[in-house]
Amino acid sequence: MLDRNDTASEAKQLQLWTIFHLLTFPLYYNRLYQHM
């Protein structure tokens, strides 16, 4: 049971990380593009 909970929290963290990157990447790319 402890193991299952651990993996669930890990998966949630990974999901949040992916969403965060998907949201921030375009902004970062835009900034980079403007500097060029």
C-alpha atoms as a PDB file:
ATOM      1  CA  MET A   1       0.000   0.000   0.000  1.00  0.00           C
ATOM      2  CA  LEU A   2       2.823   2.356   0.829  1.00  0.00           C
ATOM      3  CA  ASP A   3       4.499   1.567  -2.466  1.00  0.00           C
ATOM      4  CA  ARG A   4       1.361   2.243  -4.452  1.00  0.00           C
ATOM      5  CA  ASN A   5       0.870   5.605  -2.766  1.00  0.00           C
ATOM      6  CA  ASP A   6       4.470   6.534  -3.453  1.00  0.00           C
ATOM      7  CA  THR A   7       4.212   5.808  -7.166  1.00  0.00           C
ATOM      8  CA  ALA A   8       0.941   7.729  -7.398  1.00  0.00           C
ATOM      9  CA  SER A   9       2.468  10.856  -5.881  1.00  0.00           C
ATOM     10  CA  GLU A  10       5.477  10.451  -8.162  1.00  0.00           C
ATOM     11  CA  ALA A  11       3.251  10.239 -11.230  1.00  0.00           C
ATOM     12  CA  LYS A  12       1.357  13.333 -10.125  1.00  0.00           C
ATOM     13  CA  GLN A  13       4.615  15.226  -9.711  1.00  0.00           C
ATOM     14  CA  LEU A  14       5.726  14.177 -13.178  1.00  0.00           C
ATOM     15  CA  GLN A  15       2.412  15.319 -14.623  1.00  0.00           C
ATOM     16  CA  LEU A  16       2.710  18.727 -12.966  1.00  0.00           C
ATOM     17  CA  TRP A  17       6.296  19.008 -14.217  1.00  0.00           C
ATOM     18  CA  THR A  18       5.211  18.216 -17.789  1.00  0.00           C
ATOM     19  CA  ILE A  19       2.333  20.710 -17.697  1.00  0.00           C
ATOM     20  CA  PHE A  20       4.635  23.355 -16.237  1.00  0.00           C
ATOM     21  CA  HIS A  21       7.170  22.843 -19.042  1.00  0.00           C
ATOM     22  CA  LEU A  22       4.495  22.879 -21.730  1.00  0.00           C
ATOM     23  CA  LEU A  23       3.218  26.195 -20.390  1.00  0.00           C
ATOM     24  CA  THR A  24       6.601  27.851 -19.880  1.00  0.00           C
ATOM     25  CA  PHE A  25       8.395  26.601 -22.998  1.00  0.00           C
ATOM     26  CA  PRO A  26       6.484  28.808 -25.489  1.00  0.00           C
ATOM     27  CA  LEU A  27       7.151  31.892 -23.373  1.00  0.00           C
ATOM     28  CA  TYR A  28      10.841  31.036 -23.134  1.00  0.00           C
ATOM     29  CA  TYR A  29      11.001  30.350 -26.864  1.00  0.00           C
ATOM     30  CA  ASN A  30       9.289  33.666 -27.609  1.00  0.00           C
ATOM     31  CA  ARG A  31      11.814  35.553 -25.510  1.00  0.00           C
ATOM     32  CA  LEU A  32      14.684  33.767 -27.215  1.00  0.00           C
ATOM     33  CA  TYR A  33      13.211  34.484 -30.638  1.00  0.00           C
ATOM     34  CA  GLN A  34      12.772  38.176 -29.866  1.00  0.00           C
ATOM     35  CA  HIS A  35      16.413  38.482 -28.803  1.00  0.00           C
ATOM     36  CA  MET A  36      17.534  37.035 -32.113  1.00  0.00           C
END
